Amino acid sequence: MRLKTMRFTIILLTLLLTSCGSYTLPSSFTSLSAYKMDFRQGNLVTVEMRNTIKPGMTRAQVRYALGTPMIMDAFHANRWDYVYRLEQGRKLVDQQRLTLYFEGDNLLRIDDSGLTDKPIAEIKE
């Protein structure tokens, strides 16, 4: 008899706990949600850093000025992508993309259309 009661209690508790898993808090209780860390990914390239590179520079010179690119695709060996993304909490704060095209060992073209000129001080720490 005691075994049946224990099984019933375990099943009941399991059902109650699983039903709470999909419950969302009302908007008035958002401060009770779990903390989410700031998340930075990629290479932050500032406008000043971008202005140091010019077509004709070698790959080594570009790597020295900007750092190692985030994406060096084996299928596009003549293209480097510098990608940066910053999320604070659950909100996307900044996203940038700088694409460099090489011909041989020299920089041929710079696509900085995805690069923002937002000062770093504006991005809250």
C-alpha atoms as a PDB file:
ATOM      1  CA  MET A   1       0.000   0.000   0.000  1.00  0.00           C
ATOM      2  CA  ARG A   2       2.808   2.396   0.881  1.00  0.00           C
ATOM      3  CA  LEU A   3       4.516   1.676  -2.471  1.00  0.00           C
ATOM      4  CA  LYS A   4       1.345   2.621  -4.382  1.00  0.00           C
ATOM      5  CA  THR A   5       1.072   5.890  -2.468  1.00  0.00           C
ATOM      6  CA  MET A   6       4.714   6.738  -3.200  1.00  0.00           C
ATOM      7  CA  ARG A   7       4.289   5.987  -6.928  1.00  0.00           C
ATOM      8  CA  PHE A   8       1.140   8.112  -7.056  1.00  0.00           C
ATOM      9  CA  THR A   9       2.951  10.991  -5.317  1.00  0.00           C
ATOM     10  CA  ILE A  10       5.918  10.809  -7.704  1.00  0.00           C
ATOM     11  CA  ILE A  11       3.646  10.759 -10.767  1.00  0.00           C
ATOM     12  CA  LEU A  12       1.607  13.672  -9.429  1.00  0.00           C
ATOM     13  CA  LEU A  13       4.721  15.753  -8.672  1.00  0.00           C
ATOM     14  CA  THR A  14       6.157  14.978 -12.111  1.00  0.00           C
ATOM     15  CA  LEU A  15       2.964  16.133 -13.822  1.00  0.00           C
ATOM     16  CA  LEU A  16       2.849  19.308 -11.751  1.00  0.00           C
ATOM     17  CA  LEU A  17       6.481  20.191 -12.459  1.00  0.00           C
ATOM     18  CA  THR A  18       6.216  19.553 -16.207  1.00  0.00           C
ATOM     19  CA  SER A  19       3.115  21.725 -16.441  1.00  0.00           C
ATOM     20  CA  CYS A  20       5.102  24.623 -14.957  1.00  0.00           C
ATOM     21  CA  GLY A  21       7.815  24.332 -17.608  1.00  0.00           C
ATOM     22  CA  SER A  22       5.934  26.204 -20.312  1.00  0.00           C
ATOM     23  CA  TYR A  23       4.584  28.928 -18.039  1.00  0.00           C
ATOM     24  CA  THR A  24       5.724  32.467 -18.864  1.00  0.00           C
ATOM     25  CA  LEU A  25       5.741  35.286 -16.362  1.00  0.00           C
ATOM     26  CA  PRO A  26       3.519  38.332 -16.880  1.00  0.00           C
ATOM     27  CA  SER A  27       5.270  41.486 -18.081  1.00  0.00           C
ATOM     28  CA  SER A  28       5.086  42.984 -14.585  1.00  0.00           C
ATOM     29  CA  PHE A  29       7.446  40.228 -13.360  1.00  0.00           C
ATOM     30  CA  THR A  30      10.180  40.586 -15.994  1.00  0.00           C
ATOM     31  CA  SER A  31      12.697  41.515 -13.305  1.00  0.00           C
ATOM     32  CA  LEU A  32      12.297  37.976 -11.959  1.00  0.00           C
ATOM     33  CA  SER A  33      13.596  36.390 -15.169  1.00  0.00           C
ATOM     34  CA  ALA A  34      17.014  34.782 -15.312  1.00  0.00           C
ATOM     35  CA  TYR A  35      20.043  37.008 -15.857  1.00  0.00           C
ATOM     36  CA  LYS A  36      21.559  36.798 -19.317  1.00  0.00           C
ATOM     37  CA  MET A  37      25.178  37.817 -19.772  1.00  0.00           C
ATOM     38  CA  ASP A  38      26.463  40.237 -22.390  1.00  0.00           C
ATOM     39  CA  PHE A  39      27.704  38.238 -25.338  1.00  0.00           C
ATOM     40  CA  ARG A  40      30.427  39.466 -27.701  1.00  0.00           C
ATOM     41  CA  GLN A  41      31.437  37.419 -30.681  1.00  0.00           C
ATOM     42  CA  GLY A  42      33.890  38.119 -33.468  1.00  0.00           C
ATOM     43  CA  ASN A  43      36.315  40.903 -34.308  1.00  0.00           C
ATOM     44  CA  LEU A  44      35.430  44.490 -33.417  1.00  0.00           C
ATOM     45  CA  VAL A  45      36.773  46.648 -36.256  1.00  0.00           C
ATOM     46  CA  THR A  46      36.565  50.385 -35.604  1.00  0.00           C
ATOM     47  CA  VAL A  47      36.482  53.021 -38.330  1.00  0.00           C
ATOM     48  CA  GLU A  48      40.012  54.054 -37.321  1.00  0.00           C
ATOM     49  CA  MET A  49      41.230  50.474 -37.802  1.00  0.00           C
ATOM     50  CA  ARG A  50      39.425  50.267 -41.157  1.00  0.00           C
ATOM     51  CA  ASN A  51      41.127  53.484 -42.302  1.00  0.00           C
ATOM     52  CA  THR A  52      44.575  51.935 -41.746  1.00  0.00           C
ATOM     53  CA  ILE A  53      44.105  49.365 -44.517  1.00  0.00           C
ATOM     54  CA  LYS A  54      44.369  50.219 -48.213  1.00  0.00           C
ATOM     55  CA  PRO A  55      44.175  48.198 -51.433  1.00  0.00           C
ATOM     56  CA  GLY A  56      47.567  46.790 -52.343  1.00  0.00           C
ATOM     57  CA  MET A  57      48.517  45.787 -48.786  1.00  0.00           C
ATOM     58  CA  THR A  58      49.642  42.210 -48.210  1.00  0.00           C
ATOM     59  CA  ARG A  59      47.681  39.674 -46.178  1.00  0.00           C
ATOM     60  CA  ALA A  60      50.266  39.908 -43.395  1.00  0.00           C
ATOM     61  CA  GLN A  61      49.900  43.699 -43.204  1.00  0.00           C
ATOM     62  CA  VAL A  62      46.104  43.428 -43.067  1.00  0.00           C
ATOM     63  CA  ARG A  63      46.279  40.738 -40.385  1.00  0.00           C
ATOM     64  CA  TYR A  64      48.616  42.969 -38.373  1.00  0.00           C
ATOM     65  CA  ALA A  65      46.210  45.940 -38.644  1.00  0.00           C
ATOM     66  CA  LEU A  66      42.916  44.125 -38.026  1.00  0.00           C
ATOM     67  CA  GLY A  67      43.786  40.798 -36.447  1.00  0.00           C
ATOM     68  CA  THR A  68      42.910  37.331 -37.654  1.00  0.00           C
ATOM     69  CA  PRO A  69      39.621  37.307 -39.570  1.00  0.00           C
ATOM     70  CA  MET A  70      36.589  35.594 -38.081  1.00  0.00           C
ATOM     71  CA  ILE A  71      35.865  33.696 -41.289  1.00  0.00           C
ATOM     72  CA  MET A  72      38.519  32.340 -43.674  1.00  0.00           C
ATOM     73  CA  ASP A  73      36.489  30.130 -45.995  1.00  0.00           C
ATOM     74  CA  ALA A  74      38.343  27.291 -47.717  1.00  0.00           C
ATOM     75  CA  PHE A  75      36.036  27.618 -50.721  1.00  0.00           C
ATOM     76  CA  HIS A  76      36.696  31.374 -51.026  1.00  0.00           C
ATOM     77  CA  ALA A  77      40.398  31.627 -50.223  1.00  0.00           C
ATOM     78  CA  ASN A  78      40.592  35.183 -51.577  1.00  0.00           C
ATOM     79  CA  ARG A  79      37.965  36.519 -49.163  1.00  0.00           C
ATOM     80  CA  TRP A  80      38.225  37.401 -45.476  1.00  0.00           C
ATOM     81  CA  ASP A  81      35.217  38.322 -43.326  1.00  0.00           C
ATOM     82  CA  TYR A  82      35.501  40.270 -40.094  1.00  0.00           C
ATOM     83  CA  VAL A  83      32.195  39.781 -38.274  1.00  0.00           C
ATOM     84  CA  TYR A  84      31.234  41.275 -34.911  1.00  0.00           C
ATOM     85  CA  ARG A  85      28.062  40.898 -32.852  1.00  0.00           C
ATOM     86  CA  LEU A  86      27.176  42.237 -29.394  1.00  0.00           C
ATOM     87  CA  GLU A  87      24.103  41.162 -27.431  1.00  0.00           C
ATOM     88  CA  GLN A  88      23.307  42.769 -24.092  1.00  0.00           C
ATOM     89  CA  GLY A  89      20.756  40.807 -22.172  1.00  0.00           C
ATOM     90  CA  ARG A  90      18.312  39.603 -24.785  1.00  0.00           C
ATOM     91  CA  LYS A  91      18.805  42.576 -27.115  1.00  0.00           C
ATOM     92  CA  LEU A  92      21.101  42.844 -30.161  1.00  0.00           C
ATOM     93  CA  VAL A  93      23.061  46.079 -29.630  1.00  0.00           C
ATOM     94  CA  ASP A  94      25.615  46.053 -32.447  1.00  0.00           C
ATOM     95  CA  GLN A  95      26.362  43.986 -35.520  1.00  0.00           C
ATOM     96  CA  GLN A  96      29.130  44.708 -38.025  1.00  0.00           C
ATOM     97  CA  ARG A  97      30.633  43.074 -41.081  1.00  0.00           C
ATOM     98  CA  LEU A  98      33.777  43.958 -43.034  1.00  0.00           C
ATOM     99  CA  THR A  99      34.669  41.881 -46.100  1.00  0.00           C
ATOM    100  CA  LEU A 100      38.086  41.991 -47.756  1.00  0.00           C
ATOM    101  CA  TYR A 101      38.884  40.552 -51.178  1.00  0.00           C
ATOM    102  CA  PHE A 102      42.407  39.550 -52.184  1.00  0.00           C
ATOM    103  CA  GLU A 103      44.078  38.834 -55.478  1.00  0.00           C
ATOM    104  CA  GLY A 104      47.028  36.605 -54.766  1.00  0.00           C
ATOM    105  CA  ASP A 105      48.673  38.041 -51.656  1.00  0.00           C
ATOM    106  CA  ASN A 106      47.485  41.645 -52.133  1.00  0.00           C
ATOM    107  CA  LEU A 107      44.299  43.338 -50.966  1.00  0.00           C
ATOM    108  CA  LEU A 108      42.119  44.073 -53.987  1.00  0.00           C
ATOM    109  CA  ARG A 109      38.830  45.440 -52.646  1.00  0.00           C
ATOM    110  CA  ILE A 110      37.204  46.418 -49.334  1.00  0.00           C
ATOM    111  CA  ASP A 111      33.471  46.067 -48.683  1.00  0.00           C
ATOM    112  CA  ASP A 112      32.731  48.031 -45.512  1.00  0.00           C
ATOM    113  CA  SER A 113      29.016  48.542 -46.077  1.00  0.00           C
ATOM    114  CA  GLY A 114      28.291  46.477 -42.940  1.00  0.00           C
ATOM    115  CA  LEU A 115      30.668  48.522 -40.783  1.00  0.00           C
ATOM    116  CA  THR A 116      29.046  51.064 -38.478  1.00  0.00           C
ATOM    117  CA  ASP A 117      30.735  54.239 -37.339  1.00  0.00           C
ATOM    118  CA  LYS A 118      29.202  54.035 -33.865  1.00  0.00           C
ATOM    119  CA  PRO A 119      31.821  55.022 -31.251  1.00  0.00           C
ATOM    120  CA  ILE A 120      32.744  52.280 -28.799  1.00  0.00           C
ATOM    121  CA  ALA A 121      31.771  54.563 -25.885  1.00  0.00           C
ATOM    122  CA  GLU A 122      28.117  54.368 -27.015  1.00  0.00           C
ATOM    123  CA  ILE A 123      28.105  50.608 -26.510  1.00  0.00           C
ATOM    124  CA  LYS A 124      27.245  50.122 -22.840  1.00  0.00           C
ATOM    125  CA  GLU A 125      29.468  47.829 -20.852  1.00  0.00           C
END
